[in-house]
Amino acid sequence: MLDWVLDIISFELFTIIILVLTFVIGYYCWVMESTVFQKLNELEKKALEAYSEIQDRKAECKQLENIVTQLEGNLIFNEDKNNKKLGCPKEYTSGVDIH
């Protein structure tokens, strides 16, 4: 009879240990999961900020390209205008940079 009681007590103790370990492991996994998701959210925010900055830089580059195009057009116009004032034929001055 004593063996039967000890078997029941050891089984219940084993069951309690398994339940406690299950809850401890579950809590650890829950904490780790929330930490991982928090880190992922932080990385997502940083990625969105970087993407936004890249888009801003692209817009700035496009504006600079437009300005350069306008300046090049003005330079060609001014070169032609100056050549006409000096009486130089275009074939003698084409391709010459005016600084």
PDB file of N, CA and C in Angstrom:
ATOM      1  N   MET A   1       0.820  -1.182   0.000  1.00  0.00           N
ATOM      2  CA  MET A   1       0.000   0.000   0.000  1.00  0.00           C
ATOM      3  C   MET A   1       0.878   1.266   0.000  1.00  0.00           C
ATOM      4  N   LEU A   2       1.971   1.227   0.693  1.00  0.00           N
ATOM      5  CA  LEU A   2       2.866   2.373   0.746  1.00  0.00           C
ATOM      6  C   LEU A   2       3.460   2.657  -0.632  1.00  0.00           C
ATOM      7  N   ASP A   3       3.753   1.641  -1.392  1.00  0.00           N
ATOM      8  CA  ASP A   3       4.277   1.822  -2.747  1.00  0.00           C
ATOM      9  C   ASP A   3       3.253   2.529  -3.629  1.00  0.00           C
ATOM     10  N   TRP A   4       2.008   2.182  -3.469  1.00  0.00           N
ATOM     11  CA  TRP A   4       0.931   2.781  -4.255  1.00  0.00           C
ATOM     12  C   TRP A   4       0.809   4.273  -3.935  1.00  0.00           C
ATOM     13  N   VAL A   5       0.887   4.641  -2.685  1.00  0.00           N
ATOM     14  CA  VAL A   5       0.810   6.037  -2.255  1.00  0.00           C
ATOM     15  C   VAL A   5       2.039   6.800  -2.764  1.00  0.00           C
ATOM     16  N   LEU A   6       3.202   6.197  -2.668  1.00  0.00           N
ATOM     17  CA  LEU A   6       4.409   6.848  -3.163  1.00  0.00           C
ATOM     18  C   LEU A   6       4.362   7.028  -4.680  1.00  0.00           C
ATOM     19  N   ASP A   7       3.800   6.065  -5.358  1.00  0.00           N
ATOM     20  CA  ASP A   7       3.647   6.184  -6.809  1.00  0.00           C
ATOM     21  C   ASP A   7       2.740   7.355  -7.165  1.00  0.00           C
ATOM     22  N   ILE A   8       1.642   7.505  -6.446  1.00  0.00           N
ATOM     23  CA  ILE A   8       0.715   8.611  -6.711  1.00  0.00           C
ATOM     24  C   ILE A   8       1.383   9.955  -6.398  1.00  0.00           C
ATOM     25  N   ILE A   9       2.095  10.023  -5.281  1.00  0.00           N
ATOM     26  CA  ILE A   9       2.762  11.270  -4.895  1.00  0.00           C
ATOM     27  C   ILE A   9       3.859  11.616  -5.905  1.00  0.00           C
ATOM     28  N   SER A  10       4.629  10.620  -6.303  1.00  0.00           N
ATOM     29  CA  SER A  10       5.695  10.899  -7.266  1.00  0.00           C
ATOM     30  C   SER A  10       5.103  11.298  -8.622  1.00  0.00           C
ATOM     31  N   PHE A  11       3.989  10.700  -9.017  1.00  0.00           N
ATOM     32  CA  PHE A  11       3.343  11.066 -10.271  1.00  0.00           C
ATOM     33  C   PHE A  11       2.820  12.498 -10.209  1.00  0.00           C
ATOM     34  N   GLU A  12       2.184  12.840  -9.087  1.00  0.00           N
ATOM     35  CA  GLU A  12       1.671  14.211  -8.921  1.00  0.00           C
ATOM     36  C   GLU A  12       2.826  15.213  -8.881  1.00  0.00           C
ATOM     37  N   LEU A  13       3.893  14.865  -8.191  1.00  0.00           N
ATOM     38  CA  LEU A  13       5.063  15.743  -8.141  1.00  0.00           C
ATOM     39  C   LEU A  13       5.664  15.914  -9.535  1.00  0.00           C
ATOM     40  N   PHE A  14       5.772  14.808 -10.274  1.00  0.00           N
ATOM     41  CA  PHE A  14       6.267  14.862 -11.642  1.00  0.00           C
ATOM     42  C   PHE A  14       5.369  15.744 -12.504  1.00  0.00           C
ATOM     43  N   THR A  15       4.065  15.610 -12.345  1.00  0.00           N
ATOM     44  CA  THR A  15       3.102  16.413 -13.103  1.00  0.00           C
ATOM     45  C   THR A  15       3.249  17.896 -12.762  1.00  0.00           C
ATOM     46  N   ILE A  16       3.407  18.204 -11.489  1.00  0.00           N
ATOM     47  CA  ILE A  16       3.582  19.597 -11.061  1.00  0.00           C
ATOM     48  C   ILE A  16       4.870  20.172 -11.636  1.00  0.00           C
ATOM     49  N   ILE A  17       5.945  19.389 -11.601  1.00  0.00           N
ATOM     50  CA  ILE A  17       7.219  19.854 -12.152  1.00  0.00           C
ATOM     51  C   ILE A  17       7.079  20.130 -13.654  1.00  0.00           C
ATOM     52  N   ILE A  18       6.411  19.230 -14.364  1.00  0.00           N
ATOM     53  CA  ILE A  18       6.202  19.412 -15.810  1.00  0.00           C
ATOM     54  C   ILE A  18       5.370  20.665 -16.067  1.00  0.00           C
ATOM     55  N   LEU A  19       4.318  20.892 -15.285  1.00  0.00           N
ATOM     56  CA  LEU A  19       3.486  22.088 -15.459  1.00  0.00           C
ATOM     57  C   LEU A  19       4.274  23.363 -15.186  1.00  0.00           C
ATOM     58  N   VAL A  20       5.054  23.354 -14.110  1.00  0.00           N
ATOM     59  CA  VAL A  20       5.862  24.529 -13.787  1.00  0.00           C
ATOM     60  C   VAL A  20       6.865  24.802 -14.903  1.00  0.00           C
ATOM     61  N   LEU A  21       7.533  23.759 -15.369  1.00  0.00           N
ATOM     62  CA  LEU A  21       8.479  23.935 -16.469  1.00  0.00           C
ATOM     63  C   LEU A  21       7.775  24.440 -17.729  1.00  0.00           C
ATOM     64  N   THR A  22       6.582  23.935 -17.994  1.00  0.00           N
ATOM     65  CA  THR A  22       5.816  24.390 -19.155  1.00  0.00           C
ATOM     66  C   THR A  22       5.497  25.873 -19.050  1.00  0.00           C
ATOM     67  N   PHE A  23       5.056  26.310 -17.882  1.00  0.00           N
ATOM     68  CA  PHE A  23       4.754  27.733 -17.701  1.00  0.00           C
ATOM     69  C   PHE A  23       6.006  28.593 -17.779  1.00  0.00           C
ATOM     70  N   VAL A  24       7.108  28.128 -17.200  1.00  0.00           N
ATOM     71  CA  VAL A  24       8.355  28.889 -17.263  1.00  0.00           C
ATOM     72  C   VAL A  24       8.835  29.013 -18.699  1.00  0.00           C
ATOM     73  N   ILE A  25       8.828  27.910 -19.428  1.00  0.00           N
ATOM     74  CA  ILE A  25       9.269  27.934 -20.822  1.00  0.00           C
ATOM     75  C   ILE A  25       8.312  28.794 -21.663  1.00  0.00           C
ATOM     76  N   GLY A  26       7.025  28.671 -21.411  1.00  0.00           N
ATOM     77  CA  GLY A  26       6.037  29.484 -22.129  1.00  0.00           C
ATOM     78  C   GLY A  26       6.229  30.966 -21.872  1.00  0.00           C
ATOM     79  N   TYR A  27       6.469  31.340 -20.622  1.00  0.00           N
ATOM     80  CA  TYR A  27       6.697  32.738 -20.286  1.00  0.00           C
ATOM     81  C   TYR A  27       7.971  33.246 -20.958  1.00  0.00           C
ATOM     82  N   TYR A  28       9.017  32.434 -20.933  1.00  0.00           N
ATOM     83  CA  TYR A  28      10.279  32.816 -21.577  1.00  0.00           C
ATOM     84  C   TYR A  28      10.059  33.034 -23.077  1.00  0.00           C
ATOM     85  N   CYS A  29       9.331  32.128 -23.711  1.00  0.00           N
ATOM     86  CA  CYS A  29       9.049  32.275 -25.146  1.00  0.00           C
ATOM     87  C   CYS A  29       8.217  33.523 -25.414  1.00  0.00           C
ATOM     88  N   TRP A  30       7.246  33.807 -24.550  1.00  0.00           N
ATOM     89  CA  TRP A  30       6.414  34.993 -24.718  1.00  0.00           C
ATOM     90  C   TRP A  30       7.254  36.264 -24.605  1.00  0.00           C
ATOM     91  N   VAL A  31       8.148  36.302 -23.612  1.00  0.00           N
ATOM     92  CA  VAL A  31       9.019  37.462 -23.436  1.00  0.00           C
ATOM     93  C   VAL A  31       9.937  37.616 -24.643  1.00  0.00           C
ATOM     94  N   MET A  32      10.516  36.517 -25.093  1.00  0.00           N
ATOM     95  CA  MET A  32      11.422  36.586 -26.240  1.00  0.00           C
ATOM     96  C   MET A  32      10.670  37.005 -27.496  1.00  0.00           C
ATOM     97  N   GLU A  33       9.468  36.495 -27.670  1.00  0.00           N
ATOM     98  CA  GLU A  33       8.672  36.856 -28.840  1.00  0.00           C
ATOM     99  C   GLU A  33       8.349  38.353 -28.835  1.00  0.00           C
ATOM    100  N   SER A  34       7.950  38.873 -27.691  1.00  0.00           N
ATOM    101  CA  SER A  34       7.632  40.297 -27.621  1.00  0.00           C
ATOM    102  C   SER A  34       8.887  41.138 -27.852  1.00  0.00           C
ATOM    103  N   THR A  35      10.026  40.672 -27.369  1.00  0.00           N
ATOM    104  CA  THR A  35      11.286  41.386 -27.599  1.00  0.00           C
ATOM    105  C   THR A  35      11.646  41.373 -29.082  1.00  0.00           C
ATOM    106  N   VAL A  36      11.469  40.229 -29.714  1.00  0.00           N
ATOM    107  CA  VAL A  36      11.778  40.118 -31.135  1.00  0.00           C
ATOM    108  C   VAL A  36      10.855  41.029 -31.940  1.00  0.00           C
ATOM    109  N   PHE A  37       9.558  41.036 -31.630  1.00  0.00           N
ATOM    110  CA  PHE A  37       8.633  41.895 -32.360  1.00  0.00           C
ATOM    111  C   PHE A  37       8.931  43.370 -32.113  1.00  0.00           C
ATOM    112  N   GLN A  38       9.364  43.707 -30.905  1.00  0.00           N
ATOM    113  CA  GLN A  38       9.731  45.089 -30.618  1.00  0.00           C
ATOM    114  C   GLN A  38      10.937  45.494 -31.476  1.00  0.00           C
ATOM    115  N   LYS A  39      11.920  44.619 -31.544  1.00  0.00           N
ATOM    116  CA  LYS A  39      13.105  44.909 -32.373  1.00  0.00           C
ATOM    117  C   LYS A  39      12.720  45.019 -33.848  1.00  0.00           C
ATOM    118  N   LEU A  40      11.813  44.131 -34.307  1.00  0.00           N
ATOM    119  CA  LEU A  40      11.369  44.194 -35.695  1.00  0.00           C
ATOM    120  C   LEU A  40      10.643  45.504 -35.979  1.00  0.00           C
ATOM    121  N   ASN A  41       9.821  45.958 -35.054  1.00  0.00           N
ATOM    122  CA  ASN A  41       9.130  47.235 -35.227  1.00  0.00           C
ATOM    123  C   ASN A  41      10.114  48.392 -35.294  1.00  0.00           C
ATOM    124  N   GLU A  42      11.136  48.353 -34.440  1.00  0.00           N
ATOM    125  CA  GLU A  42      12.167  49.399 -34.477  1.00  0.00           C
ATOM    126  C   GLU A  42      12.898  49.391 -35.821  1.00  0.00           C
ATOM    127  N   LEU A  43      13.237  48.200 -36.309  1.00  0.00           N
ATOM    128  CA  LEU A  43      13.916  48.091 -37.595  1.00  0.00           C
ATOM    129  C   LEU A  43      13.021  48.566 -38.736  1.00  0.00           C
ATOM    130  N   GLU A  44      11.734  48.262 -38.646  1.00  0.00           N
ATOM    131  CA  GLU A  44      10.798  48.709 -39.671  1.00  0.00           C
ATOM    132  C   GLU A  44      10.708  50.243 -39.695  1.00  0.00           C
ATOM    133  N   LYS A  45      10.674  50.854 -38.518  1.00  0.00           N
ATOM    134  CA  LYS A  45      10.635  52.323 -38.452  1.00  0.00           C
ATOM    135  C   LYS A  45      11.901  52.920 -39.058  1.00  0.00           C
ATOM    136  N   LYS A  46      13.060  52.333 -38.729  1.00  0.00           N
ATOM    137  CA  LYS A  46      14.317  52.829 -39.283  1.00  0.00           C
ATOM    138  C   LYS A  46      14.347  52.665 -40.799  1.00  0.00           C
ATOM    139  N   ALA A  47      13.829  51.534 -41.284  1.00  0.00           N
ATOM    140  CA  ALA A  47      13.796  51.303 -42.726  1.00  0.00           C
ATOM    141  C   ALA A  47      12.888  52.314 -43.417  1.00  0.00           C
ATOM    142  N   LEU A  48      11.737  52.611 -42.819  1.00  0.00           N
ATOM    143  CA  LEU A  48      10.832  53.598 -43.409  1.00  0.00           C
ATOM    144  C   LEU A  48      11.456  54.992 -43.406  1.00  0.00           C
ATOM    145  N   GLU A  49      12.165  55.337 -42.336  1.00  0.00           N
ATOM    146  CA  GLU A  49      12.851  56.628 -42.279  1.00  0.00           C
ATOM    147  C   GLU A  49      13.937  56.703 -43.352  1.00  0.00           C
ATOM    148  N   ALA A  50      14.691  55.620 -43.512  1.00  0.00           N
ATOM    149  CA  ALA A  50      15.749  55.591 -44.525  1.00  0.00           C
ATOM    150  C   ALA A  50      15.145  55.696 -45.925  1.00  0.00           C
ATOM    151  N   TYR A  51      14.031  55.004 -46.161  1.00  0.00           N
ATOM    152  CA  TYR A  51      13.368  55.066 -47.464  1.00  0.00           C
ATOM    153  C   TYR A  51      12.874  56.481 -47.739  1.00  0.00           C
ATOM    154  N   SER A  52      12.308  57.106 -46.724  1.00  0.00           N
ATOM    155  CA  SER A  52      11.831  58.484 -46.870  1.00  0.00           C
ATOM    156  C   SER A  52      12.988  59.426 -47.185  1.00  0.00           C
ATOM    157  N   GLU A  53      14.103  59.239 -46.507  1.00  0.00           N
ATOM    158  CA  GLU A  53      15.282  60.063 -46.760  1.00  0.00           C
ATOM    159  C   GLU A  53      15.810  59.848 -48.176  1.00  0.00           C
ATOM    160  N   ILE A  54      15.789  58.608 -48.633  1.00  0.00           N
ATOM    161  CA  ILE A  54      16.230  58.309 -49.995  1.00  0.00           C
ATOM    162  C   ILE A  54      15.324  59.011 -51.003  1.00  0.00           C
ATOM    163  N   GLN A  55      14.016  58.980 -50.773  1.00  0.00           N
ATOM    164  CA  GLN A  55      13.089  59.656 -51.675  1.00  0.00           C
ATOM    165  C   GLN A  55      13.328  61.164 -51.682  1.00  0.00           C
ATOM    166  N   ASP A  56      13.609  61.723 -50.495  1.00  0.00           N
ATOM    167  CA  ASP A  56      13.911  63.152 -50.420  1.00  0.00           C
ATOM    168  C   ASP A  56      15.177  63.478 -51.206  1.00  0.00           C
ATOM    169  N   ARG A  57      16.190  62.645 -51.058  1.00  0.00           N
ATOM    170  CA  ARG A  57      17.451  62.866 -51.778  1.00  0.00           C
ATOM    171  C   ARG A  57      17.242  62.744 -53.289  1.00  0.00           C
ATOM    172  N   LYS A  58      16.398  61.789 -53.710  1.00  0.00           N
ATOM    173  CA  LYS A  58      16.113  61.651 -55.140  1.00  0.00           C
ATOM    174  C   LYS A  58      15.442  62.909 -55.671  1.00  0.00           C
ATOM    175  N   ALA A  59      14.515  63.454 -54.895  1.00  0.00           N
ATOM    176  CA  ALA A  59      13.841  64.686 -55.310  1.00  0.00           C
ATOM    177  C   ALA A  59      14.841  65.839 -55.403  1.00  0.00           C
ATOM    178  N   GLU A  60      15.742  65.932 -54.428  1.00  0.00           N
ATOM    179  CA  GLU A  60      16.769  66.977 -54.463  1.00  0.00           C
ATOM    180  C   GLU A  60      17.675  66.803 -55.689  1.00  0.00           C
ATOM    181  N   CYS A  61      18.052  65.575 -55.988  1.00  0.00           N
ATOM    182  CA  CYS A  61      18.899  65.311 -57.156  1.00  0.00           C
ATOM    183  C   CYS A  61      18.175  65.713 -58.441  1.00  0.00           C
ATOM    184  N   LYS A  62      16.886  65.410 -58.513  1.00  0.00           N
ATOM    185  CA  LYS A  62      16.110  65.779 -59.698  1.00  0.00           C
ATOM    186  C   LYS A  62      16.076  67.292 -59.856  1.00  0.00           C
ATOM    187  N   GLN A  63      15.894  68.016 -58.741  1.00  0.00           N
ATOM    188  CA  GLN A  63      15.893  69.478 -58.797  1.00  0.00           C
ATOM    189  C   GLN A  63      17.259  69.993 -59.260  1.00  0.00           C
ATOM    190  N   LEU A  64      18.330  69.410 -58.733  1.00  0.00           N
ATOM    191  CA  LEU A  64      19.676  69.820 -59.147  1.00  0.00           C
ATOM    192  C   LEU A  64      19.925  69.520 -60.625  1.00  0.00           C
ATOM    193  N   GLU A  65      19.429  68.394 -61.109  1.00  0.00           N
ATOM    194  CA  GLU A  65      19.567  68.067 -62.523  1.00  0.00           C
ATOM    195  C   GLU A  65      18.855  69.100 -63.381  1.00  0.00           C
ATOM    196  N   ASN A  66      17.675  69.512 -62.943  1.00  0.00           N
ATOM    197  CA  ASN A  66      16.929  70.535 -63.687  1.00  0.00           C
ATOM    198  C   ASN A  66      17.684  71.861 -63.697  1.00  0.00           C
ATOM    199  N   ILE A  67      18.261  72.218 -62.563  1.00  0.00           N
ATOM    200  CA  ILE A  67      19.035  73.460 -62.485  1.00  0.00           C
ATOM    201  C   ILE A  67      20.249  73.390 -63.404  1.00  0.00           C
ATOM    202  N   VAL A  68      20.955  72.249 -63.389  1.00  0.00           N
ATOM    203  CA  VAL A  68      22.128  72.078 -64.256  1.00  0.00           C
ATOM    204  C   VAL A  68      21.714  72.167 -65.719  1.00  0.00           C
ATOM    205  N   THR A  69      20.591  71.556 -66.063  1.00  0.00           N
ATOM    206  CA  THR A  69      20.108  71.614 -67.440  1.00  0.00           C
ATOM    207  C   THR A  69      19.811  73.054 -67.842  1.00  0.00           C
ATOM    208  N   GLN A  70      19.180  73.792 -66.941  1.00  0.00           N
ATOM    209  CA  GLN A  70      18.890  75.200 -67.234  1.00  0.00           C
ATOM    210  C   GLN A  70      20.183  75.997 -67.394  1.00  0.00           C
ATOM    211  N   LEU A  71      21.143  75.759 -66.508  1.00  0.00           N
ATOM    212  CA  LEU A  71      22.417  76.482 -66.592  1.00  0.00           C
ATOM    213  C   LEU A  71      23.169  76.150 -67.875  1.00  0.00           C
ATOM    214  N   GLU A  72      23.132  74.881 -68.266  1.00  0.00           N
ATOM    215  CA  GLU A  72      23.780  74.495 -69.520  1.00  0.00           C
ATOM    216  C   GLU A  72      23.115  75.190 -70.697  1.00  0.00           C
ATOM    217  N   GLY A  73      21.778  75.251 -70.670  1.00  0.00           N
ATOM    218  CA  GLY A  73      21.053  75.945 -71.731  1.00  0.00           C
ATOM    219  C   GLY A  73      21.409  77.419 -71.765  1.00  0.00           C
ATOM    220  N   ASN A  74      21.496  78.049 -70.597  1.00  0.00           N
ATOM    221  CA  ASN A  74      21.884  79.457 -70.535  1.00  0.00           C
ATOM    222  C   ASN A  74      23.305  79.658 -71.035  1.00  0.00           C
ATOM    223  N   LEU A  75      24.203  78.730 -70.694  1.00  0.00           N
ATOM    224  CA  LEU A  75      25.593  78.842 -71.134  1.00  0.00           C
ATOM    225  C   LEU A  75      25.684  78.764 -72.644  1.00  0.00           C
ATOM    226  N   ILE A  76      24.959  77.824 -73.247  1.00  0.00           N
ATOM    227  CA  ILE A  76      24.978  77.683 -74.707  1.00  0.00           C
ATOM    228  C   ILE A  76      24.389  78.941 -75.353  1.00  0.00           C
ATOM    229  N   PHE A  77      23.286  79.431 -74.782  1.00  0.00           N
ATOM    230  CA  PHE A  77      22.665  80.645 -75.316  1.00  0.00           C
ATOM    231  C   PHE A  77      23.625  81.822 -75.222  1.00  0.00           C
ATOM    232  N   ASN A  78      24.266  81.987 -74.060  1.00  0.00           N
ATOM    233  CA  ASN A  78      25.202  83.094 -73.879  1.00  0.00           C
ATOM    234  C   ASN A  78      26.421  82.944 -74.789  1.00  0.00           C
ATOM    235  N   GLU A  79      26.893  81.704 -74.979  1.00  0.00           N
ATOM    236  CA  GLU A  79      28.036  81.477 -75.857  1.00  0.00           C
ATOM    237  C   GLU A  79      27.683  81.894 -77.285  1.00  0.00           C
ATOM    238  N   ASP A  80      26.490  81.478 -77.723  1.00  0.00           N
ATOM    239  CA  ASP A  80      26.060  81.853 -79.074  1.00  0.00           C
ATOM    240  C   ASP A  80      25.913  83.366 -79.198  1.00  0.00           C
ATOM    241  N   LYS A  81      25.359  83.975 -78.170  1.00  0.00           N
ATOM    242  CA  LYS A  81      25.150  85.426 -78.181  1.00  0.00           C
ATOM    243  C   LYS A  81      26.498  86.156 -78.222  1.00  0.00           C
ATOM    244  N   ASN A  82      27.452  85.695 -77.394  1.00  0.00           N
ATOM    245  CA  ASN A  82      28.780  86.321 -77.372  1.00  0.00           C
ATOM    246  C   ASN A  82      29.511  86.120 -78.701  1.00  0.00           C
ATOM    247  N   ASN A  83      29.371  84.942 -79.290  1.00  0.00           N
ATOM    248  CA  ASN A  83      30.027  84.683 -80.573  1.00  0.00           C
ATOM    249  C   ASN A  83      29.479  85.595 -81.660  1.00  0.00           C
ATOM    250  N   LYS A  84      28.184  85.828 -81.612  1.00  0.00           N
ATOM    251  CA  LYS A  84      27.577  86.716 -82.607  1.00  0.00           C
ATOM    252  C   LYS A  84      28.096  88.138 -82.418  1.00  0.00           C
ATOM    253  N   LYS A  85      28.257  88.571 -81.144  1.00  0.00           N
ATOM    254  CA  LYS A  85      28.771  89.914 -80.880  1.00  0.00           C
ATOM    255  C   LYS A  85      30.203  90.067 -81.391  1.00  0.00           C
ATOM    256  N   LEU A  86      30.996  88.997 -81.226  1.00  0.00           N
ATOM    257  CA  LEU A  86      32.394  89.044 -81.638  1.00  0.00           C
ATOM    258  C   LEU A  86      32.563  88.774 -83.122  1.00  0.00           C
ATOM    259  N   GLY A  87      31.515  88.280 -83.752  1.00  0.00           N
ATOM    260  CA  GLY A  87      31.591  87.984 -85.175  1.00  0.00           C
ATOM    261  C   GLY A  87      32.276  86.665 -85.459  1.00  0.00           C
ATOM    262  N   CYS A  88      32.364  85.768 -84.472  1.00  0.00           N
ATOM    263  CA  CYS A  88      33.014  84.478 -84.676  1.00  0.00           C
ATOM    264  C   CYS A  88      32.007  83.504 -85.272  1.00  0.00           C
ATOM    265  N   PRO A  89      32.390  82.786 -86.302  1.00  0.00           N
ATOM    266  CA  PRO A  89      31.494  81.744 -86.815  1.00  0.00           C
ATOM    267  C   PRO A  89      31.388  80.610 -85.789  1.00  0.00           C
ATOM    268  N   LYS A  90      30.232  79.994 -85.754  1.00  0.00           N
ATOM    269  CA  LYS A  90      29.972  78.958 -84.747  1.00  0.00           C
ATOM    270  C   LYS A  90      30.915  77.766 -84.891  1.00  0.00           C
ATOM    271  N   GLU A  91      31.305  77.409 -86.123  1.00  0.00           N
ATOM    272  CA  GLU A  91      32.147  76.236 -86.303  1.00  0.00           C
ATOM    273  C   GLU A  91      33.532  76.412 -85.682  1.00  0.00           C
ATOM    274  N   TYR A  92      33.968  77.652 -85.467  1.00  0.00           N
ATOM    275  CA  TYR A  92      35.265  77.881 -84.838  1.00  0.00           C
ATOM    276  C   TYR A  92      35.200  77.815 -83.306  1.00  0.00           C
ATOM    277  N   THR A  93      34.021  77.994 -82.770  1.00  0.00           N
ATOM    278  CA  THR A  93      33.913  78.076 -81.309  1.00  0.00           C
ATOM    279  C   THR A  93      33.140  76.926 -80.688  1.00  0.00           C
ATOM    280  N   SER A  94      32.565  76.063 -81.495  1.00  0.00           N
ATOM    281  CA  SER A  94      31.769  74.990 -80.906  1.00  0.00           C
ATOM    282  C   SER A  94      32.680  74.028 -80.158  1.00  0.00           C
ATOM    283  N   GLY A  95      32.204  73.575 -79.000  1.00  0.00           N
ATOM    284  CA  GLY A  95      32.955  72.638 -78.172  1.00  0.00           C
ATOM    285  C   GLY A  95      33.951  73.310 -77.259  1.00  0.00           C
ATOM    286  N   VAL A  96      34.039  74.623 -77.292  1.00  0.00           N
ATOM    287  CA  VAL A  96      34.968  75.340 -76.426  1.00  0.00           C
ATOM    288  C   VAL A  96      34.234  75.723 -75.159  1.00  0.00           C
ATOM    289  N   ASP A  97      34.804  75.385 -74.026  1.00  0.00           N
ATOM    290  CA  ASP A  97      34.193  75.760 -72.754  1.00  0.00           C
ATOM    291  C   ASP A  97      34.513  77.208 -72.446  1.00  0.00           C
ATOM    292  N   ILE A  98      33.511  77.929 -72.039  1.00  0.00           N
ATOM    293  CA  ILE A  98      33.706  79.308 -71.613  1.00  0.00           C
ATOM    294  C   ILE A  98      33.618  79.329 -70.101  1.00  0.00           C
ATOM    295  N   HIS A  99      34.664  79.745 -69.454  1.00  0.00           N
ATOM    296  CA  HIS A  99      34.687  79.781 -67.990  1.00  0.00           C
ATOM    297  C   HIS A  99      34.628  81.197 -67.511  1.00  0.00           C
TER     298      HIS A  99
END
